[in-house]
Amino acid sequence: MKKIGKIVYAVPFAIFGLFHFLSAPAMSGMVPSYIPFPIVWVYLIGLALIAAAVSIITGIKTHLAATLLAVLLGIFIVLIHLPGAVAGNQMSTVTFLKDLSLLGAALLVAGSAKD
């Protein structure tokens, strides 16, 4: 069951990472304007999401990958979703809460990793 849970958790991150490569120009518009080279960040984040998914599925360096995934999700929460949620944007609030729950699950995966 634990292995199935890790796969179910990780596969969407791999898909999100793939979307970063397929839709990089559109996604670069979501990067806050004060961050330079937005398309580079979109590609790097896509790569990080895919790497985290592969690590969680294979069990190689899972603790490190899940911890870094939690940090990445925390950055998304603070830089992208929180400002809109505080302003009363319902969609930002939904994505804020979704990423917060994914962050919590990443910490659970990191805490249960044996490596």
N, C-alpha and C. Protein backbone atom coordinates (compact mmCIF):
# COMPACT_ATOMS: atom_id res chain seq x y z
N MET A 1 0.81 -1.21 0.00
CA MET A 1 0.00 0.00 0.00
C MET A 1 0.85 1.26 0.00
N LYS A 2 1.94 1.24 0.79
CA LYS A 2 2.79 2.42 0.87
C LYS A 2 3.40 2.75 -0.49
N LYS A 3 3.85 1.72 -1.21
CA LYS A 3 4.45 1.94 -2.53
C LYS A 3 3.42 2.50 -3.51
N ILE A 4 2.20 1.97 -3.48
CA ILE A 4 1.14 2.48 -4.35
C ILE A 4 0.85 3.94 -4.01
N GLY A 5 0.79 4.25 -2.73
CA GLY A 5 0.56 5.63 -2.31
C GLY A 5 1.63 6.57 -2.81
N LYS A 6 2.90 6.14 -2.76
CA LYS A 6 3.99 6.98 -3.26
C LYS A 6 3.88 7.19 -4.76
N ILE A 7 3.49 6.15 -5.48
CA ILE A 7 3.33 6.28 -6.93
C ILE A 7 2.19 7.23 -7.26
N VAL A 8 1.06 7.04 -6.57
CA VAL A 8 -0.10 7.91 -6.81
C VAL A 8 0.24 9.36 -6.48
N TYR A 9 1.05 9.58 -5.45
CA TYR A 9 1.47 10.93 -5.08
C TYR A 9 2.45 11.51 -6.10
N ALA A 10 3.39 10.71 -6.58
CA ALA A 10 4.48 11.21 -7.41
C ALA A 10 4.10 11.43 -8.87
N VAL A 11 3.27 10.59 -9.44
CA VAL A 11 2.96 10.68 -10.88
C VAL A 11 2.40 12.06 -11.27
N PRO A 12 1.49 12.65 -10.52
CA PRO A 12 1.03 13.99 -10.91
C PRO A 12 2.16 15.03 -10.96
N PHE A 13 3.16 14.90 -10.08
CA PHE A 13 4.29 15.83 -10.14
C PHE A 13 5.09 15.65 -11.43
N ALA A 14 5.24 14.41 -11.87
CA ALA A 14 5.92 14.17 -13.15
C ALA A 14 5.13 14.80 -14.30
N ILE A 15 3.82 14.67 -14.24
CA ILE A 15 2.97 15.27 -15.28
C ILE A 15 3.04 16.79 -15.21
N PHE A 16 2.99 17.37 -14.00
CA PHE A 16 3.13 18.82 -13.86
C PHE A 16 4.48 19.27 -14.44
N GLY A 17 5.52 18.49 -14.16
CA GLY A 17 6.84 18.83 -14.70
C GLY A 17 6.86 18.80 -16.22
N LEU A 18 6.22 17.80 -16.79
CA LEU A 18 6.11 17.72 -18.25
C LEU A 18 5.36 18.92 -18.80
N PHE A 19 4.29 19.32 -18.13
CA PHE A 19 3.54 20.52 -18.56
C PHE A 19 4.43 21.76 -18.57
N HIS A 20 5.39 21.84 -17.64
CA HIS A 20 6.29 22.99 -17.61
C HIS A 20 7.12 23.05 -18.90
N PHE A 21 7.46 21.90 -19.45
CA PHE A 21 8.22 21.88 -20.70
C PHE A 21 7.33 22.13 -21.91
N LEU A 22 6.12 21.61 -21.87
CA LEU A 22 5.22 21.75 -23.01
C LEU A 22 4.59 23.14 -23.11
N SER A 23 4.45 23.83 -21.98
CA SER A 23 3.77 25.13 -21.95
C SER A 23 4.62 26.21 -21.32
N ALA A 24 5.92 26.12 -21.47
CA ALA A 24 6.83 27.06 -20.80
C ALA A 24 6.52 28.52 -21.11
N PRO A 25 6.31 28.90 -22.37
CA PRO A 25 6.04 30.33 -22.63
C PRO A 25 4.80 30.84 -21.90
N ALA A 26 3.74 30.05 -21.87
CA ALA A 26 2.52 30.47 -21.18
C ALA A 26 2.74 30.51 -19.67
N MET A 27 3.45 29.51 -19.14
CA MET A 27 3.68 29.45 -17.70
C MET A 27 4.62 30.54 -17.21
N SER A 28 5.49 31.01 -18.09
CA SER A 28 6.44 32.04 -17.66
C SER A 28 5.72 33.32 -17.24
N GLY A 29 4.49 33.51 -17.70
CA GLY A 29 3.70 34.66 -17.30
C GLY A 29 3.23 34.58 -15.86
N MET A 30 3.29 33.40 -15.25
CA MET A 30 2.89 33.24 -13.85
C MET A 30 4.03 33.53 -12.88
N VAL A 31 5.25 33.60 -13.41
CA VAL A 31 6.40 33.90 -12.55
C VAL A 31 6.31 35.37 -12.15
N PRO A 32 6.44 35.67 -10.85
CA PRO A 32 6.38 37.08 -10.43
C PRO A 32 7.35 37.95 -11.21
N SER A 33 6.92 39.15 -11.53
CA SER A 33 7.69 40.04 -12.41
C SER A 33 9.04 40.44 -11.84
N TYR A 34 9.23 40.36 -10.54
CA TYR A 34 10.51 40.74 -9.95
C TYR A 34 11.55 39.63 -10.02
N ILE A 35 11.17 38.46 -10.55
CA ILE A 35 12.11 37.36 -10.71
C ILE A 35 12.62 37.36 -12.15
N PRO A 36 13.94 37.48 -12.34
CA PRO A 36 14.49 37.54 -13.70
C PRO A 36 14.44 36.18 -14.41
N PHE A 37 14.47 36.22 -15.73
CA PHE A 37 14.52 35.04 -16.58
C PHE A 37 13.41 34.03 -16.28
N PRO A 38 12.16 34.44 -16.39
CA PRO A 38 11.04 33.56 -15.98
C PRO A 38 11.00 32.23 -16.72
N ILE A 39 11.31 32.21 -18.01
CA ILE A 39 11.20 30.93 -18.74
C ILE A 39 12.24 29.94 -18.25
N VAL A 40 13.41 30.43 -17.85
CA VAL A 40 14.44 29.55 -17.30
C VAL A 40 13.93 28.89 -16.02
N TRP A 41 13.25 29.67 -15.18
CA TRP A 41 12.71 29.13 -13.93
C TRP A 41 11.62 28.11 -14.21
N VAL A 42 10.83 28.34 -15.22
CA VAL A 42 9.77 27.37 -15.57
C VAL A 42 10.40 26.03 -15.95
N TYR A 43 11.44 26.08 -16.77
CA TYR A 43 12.12 24.84 -17.15
C TYR A 43 12.80 24.17 -15.95
N LEU A 44 13.46 24.94 -15.10
CA LEU A 44 14.13 24.37 -13.93
C LEU A 44 13.13 23.73 -12.97
N ILE A 45 12.01 24.39 -12.78
CA ILE A 45 10.99 23.83 -11.89
C ILE A 45 10.39 22.57 -12.49
N GLY A 46 10.18 22.57 -13.81
CA GLY A 46 9.71 21.35 -14.48
C GLY A 46 10.66 20.20 -14.26
N LEU A 47 11.94 20.46 -14.41
CA LEU A 47 12.95 19.43 -14.19
C LEU A 47 12.95 18.96 -12.74
N ALA A 48 12.83 19.90 -11.81
CA ALA A 48 12.80 19.55 -10.38
C ALA A 48 11.58 18.68 -10.05
N LEU A 49 10.44 19.00 -10.62
CA LEU A 49 9.23 18.21 -10.37
C LEU A 49 9.38 16.78 -10.90
N ILE A 50 9.93 16.65 -12.08
CA ILE A 50 10.14 15.32 -12.67
C ILE A 50 11.16 14.54 -11.84
N ALA A 51 12.25 15.20 -11.44
CA ALA A 51 13.27 14.53 -10.64
C ALA A 51 12.71 14.06 -9.30
N ALA A 52 11.90 14.89 -8.67
CA ALA A 52 11.30 14.51 -7.39
C ALA A 52 10.39 13.29 -7.57
N ALA A 53 9.59 13.30 -8.63
CA ALA A 53 8.69 12.18 -8.89
C ALA A 53 9.47 10.89 -9.11
N VAL A 54 10.51 10.96 -9.91
CA VAL A 54 11.33 9.76 -10.18
C VAL A 54 11.96 9.25 -8.89
N SER A 55 12.47 10.17 -8.08
CA SER A 55 13.09 9.78 -6.82
C SER A 55 12.10 9.12 -5.87
N ILE A 56 10.92 9.70 -5.75
CA ILE A 56 9.91 9.14 -4.84
C ILE A 56 9.46 7.76 -5.32
N ILE A 57 9.29 7.59 -6.62
CA ILE A 57 8.85 6.30 -7.17
C ILE A 57 9.93 5.24 -7.02
N THR A 58 11.18 5.60 -7.32
CA THR A 58 12.27 4.61 -7.28
C THR A 58 12.81 4.36 -5.88
N GLY A 59 12.57 5.30 -4.97
CA GLY A 59 13.10 5.16 -3.61
C GLY A 59 14.55 5.57 -3.48
N ILE A 60 15.09 6.24 -4.49
CA ILE A 60 16.48 6.71 -4.46
C ILE A 60 16.50 8.16 -3.99
N LYS A 61 17.16 8.40 -2.87
CA LYS A 61 17.27 9.75 -2.28
C LYS A 61 15.89 10.37 -2.05
N THR A 62 14.95 9.55 -1.62
CA THR A 62 13.57 10.01 -1.43
C THR A 62 13.46 11.08 -0.36
N HIS A 63 14.18 10.90 0.74
CA HIS A 63 14.10 11.89 1.83
C HIS A 63 14.51 13.27 1.31
N LEU A 64 15.63 13.33 0.63
CA LEU A 64 16.12 14.60 0.09
C LEU A 64 15.14 15.17 -0.93
N ALA A 65 14.69 14.34 -1.86
CA ALA A 65 13.79 14.82 -2.92
C ALA A 65 12.47 15.32 -2.35
N ALA A 66 11.89 14.59 -1.42
CA ALA A 66 10.61 15.00 -0.85
C ALA A 66 10.76 16.25 0.00
N THR A 67 11.89 16.38 0.70
CA THR A 67 12.14 17.60 1.47
C THR A 67 12.28 18.80 0.55
N LEU A 68 13.04 18.65 -0.52
CA LEU A 68 13.19 19.75 -1.49
C LEU A 68 11.87 20.06 -2.19
N LEU A 69 11.07 19.04 -2.44
CA LEU A 69 9.75 19.26 -3.02
C LEU A 69 8.88 20.08 -2.07
N ALA A 70 8.95 19.78 -0.79
CA ALA A 70 8.20 20.55 0.21
C ALA A 70 8.66 22.01 0.22
N VAL A 71 9.97 22.23 0.12
CA VAL A 71 10.49 23.60 0.06
C VAL A 71 9.97 24.31 -1.18
N LEU A 72 10.02 23.63 -2.32
CA LEU A 72 9.53 24.22 -3.57
C LEU A 72 8.04 24.58 -3.46
N LEU A 73 7.26 23.69 -2.91
CA LEU A 73 5.84 23.97 -2.73
C LEU A 73 5.63 25.15 -1.78
N GLY A 74 6.46 25.24 -0.75
CA GLY A 74 6.39 26.37 0.16
C GLY A 74 6.69 27.69 -0.54
N ILE A 75 7.65 27.66 -1.44
CA ILE A 75 7.97 28.86 -2.24
C ILE A 75 6.79 29.24 -3.12
N PHE A 76 6.18 28.24 -3.77
CA PHE A 76 4.98 28.51 -4.58
C PHE A 76 3.89 29.15 -3.74
N ILE A 77 3.69 28.60 -2.56
CA ILE A 77 2.63 29.11 -1.67
C ILE A 77 2.87 30.58 -1.35
N VAL A 78 4.08 30.91 -0.95
CA VAL A 78 4.39 32.27 -0.51
C VAL A 78 4.43 33.26 -1.68
N LEU A 79 5.09 32.88 -2.78
CA LEU A 79 5.29 33.84 -3.88
C LEU A 79 4.14 33.93 -4.86
N ILE A 80 3.43 32.83 -5.07
CA ILE A 80 2.43 32.81 -6.13
C ILE A 80 1.00 32.83 -5.57
N HIS A 81 0.70 31.94 -4.64
CA HIS A 81 -0.69 31.77 -4.21
C HIS A 81 -1.11 32.68 -3.05
N LEU A 82 -0.24 32.91 -2.11
CA LEU A 82 -0.61 33.68 -0.92
C LEU A 82 -1.05 35.11 -1.24
N PRO A 83 -0.33 35.83 -2.11
CA PRO A 83 -0.79 37.21 -2.39
C PRO A 83 -2.22 37.27 -2.92
N GLY A 84 -2.57 36.37 -3.83
CA GLY A 84 -3.93 36.34 -4.35
C GLY A 84 -4.94 35.91 -3.32
N ALA A 85 -4.57 34.93 -2.48
CA ALA A 85 -5.48 34.45 -1.44
C ALA A 85 -5.76 35.56 -0.43
N VAL A 86 -4.73 36.30 -0.05
CA VAL A 86 -4.90 37.40 0.90
C VAL A 86 -5.79 38.49 0.30
N ALA A 87 -5.68 38.67 -1.03
CA ALA A 87 -6.50 39.68 -1.71
C ALA A 87 -7.95 39.22 -1.90
N GLY A 88 -8.25 37.98 -1.53
CA GLY A 88 -9.63 37.50 -1.63
C GLY A 88 -9.94 36.73 -2.90
N ASN A 89 -8.92 36.42 -3.71
CA ASN A 89 -9.14 35.66 -4.93
C ASN A 89 -9.41 34.19 -4.57
N GLN A 90 -10.60 33.71 -4.91
CA GLN A 90 -11.00 32.36 -4.52
C GLN A 90 -10.11 31.29 -5.16
N MET A 91 -9.74 31.46 -6.44
CA MET A 91 -8.91 30.47 -7.11
C MET A 91 -7.53 30.41 -6.48
N SER A 92 -6.98 31.56 -6.11
CA SER A 92 -5.69 31.58 -5.42
C SER A 92 -5.79 30.87 -4.07
N THR A 93 -6.91 31.05 -3.40
CA THR A 93 -7.11 30.38 -2.11
C THR A 93 -7.17 28.87 -2.30
N VAL A 94 -7.85 28.42 -3.34
CA VAL A 94 -7.94 26.98 -3.62
C VAL A 94 -6.55 26.42 -3.91
N THR A 95 -5.78 27.08 -4.77
CA THR A 95 -4.44 26.57 -5.10
C THR A 95 -3.50 26.69 -3.91
N PHE A 96 -3.69 27.71 -3.08
CA PHE A 96 -2.92 27.84 -1.84
C PHE A 96 -3.16 26.61 -0.96
N LEU A 97 -4.42 26.27 -0.75
CA LEU A 97 -4.75 25.13 0.10
C LEU A 97 -4.30 23.81 -0.51
N LYS A 98 -4.42 23.68 -1.83
CA LYS A 98 -3.97 22.45 -2.52
C LYS A 98 -2.47 22.27 -2.33
N ASP A 99 -1.71 23.32 -2.59
CA ASP A 99 -0.26 23.20 -2.44
C ASP A 99 0.15 23.01 -0.99
N LEU A 100 -0.61 23.57 -0.07
CA LEU A 100 -0.32 23.37 1.35
C LEU A 100 -0.51 21.89 1.72
N SER A 101 -1.56 21.27 1.20
CA SER A 101 -1.77 19.85 1.49
C SER A 101 -0.71 18.99 0.80
N LEU A 102 -0.30 19.36 -0.41
CA LEU A 102 0.77 18.63 -1.09
C LEU A 102 2.09 18.77 -0.34
N LEU A 103 2.34 19.95 0.22
CA LEU A 103 3.53 20.18 1.03
C LEU A 103 3.51 19.25 2.24
N GLY A 104 2.37 19.16 2.90
CA GLY A 104 2.25 18.27 4.05
C GLY A 104 2.51 16.82 3.68
N ALA A 105 1.99 16.40 2.55
CA ALA A 105 2.22 15.03 2.10
C ALA A 105 3.69 14.80 1.74
N ALA A 106 4.35 15.80 1.16
CA ALA A 106 5.77 15.68 0.85
C ALA A 106 6.58 15.48 2.14
N LEU A 107 6.20 16.20 3.19
CA LEU A 107 6.88 16.03 4.48
C LEU A 107 6.63 14.64 5.06
N LEU A 108 5.42 14.10 4.87
CA LEU A 108 5.13 12.73 5.31
C LEU A 108 5.99 11.72 4.54
N VAL A 109 6.10 11.92 3.23
CA VAL A 109 6.93 11.02 2.41
C VAL A 109 8.39 11.12 2.86
N ALA A 110 8.87 12.35 3.07
CA ALA A 110 10.26 12.53 3.52
C ALA A 110 10.48 11.85 4.87
N GLY A 111 9.51 12.00 5.76
CA GLY A 111 9.65 11.40 7.09
C GLY A 111 9.59 9.89 7.10
N SER A 112 8.95 9.31 6.10
CA SER A 112 8.85 7.84 6.05
C SER A 112 9.94 7.20 5.20
N ALA A 113 10.79 8.03 4.56
CA ALA A 113 11.84 7.50 3.69
C ALA A 113 12.92 6.83 4.54
N LYS A 114 13.46 5.75 4.04
CA LYS A 114 14.47 5.00 4.76
C LYS A 114 15.89 5.30 4.31
N ASP A 115 16.07 6.20 3.35
CA ASP A 115 17.42 6.47 2.85
C ASP A 115 18.11 7.60 3.57
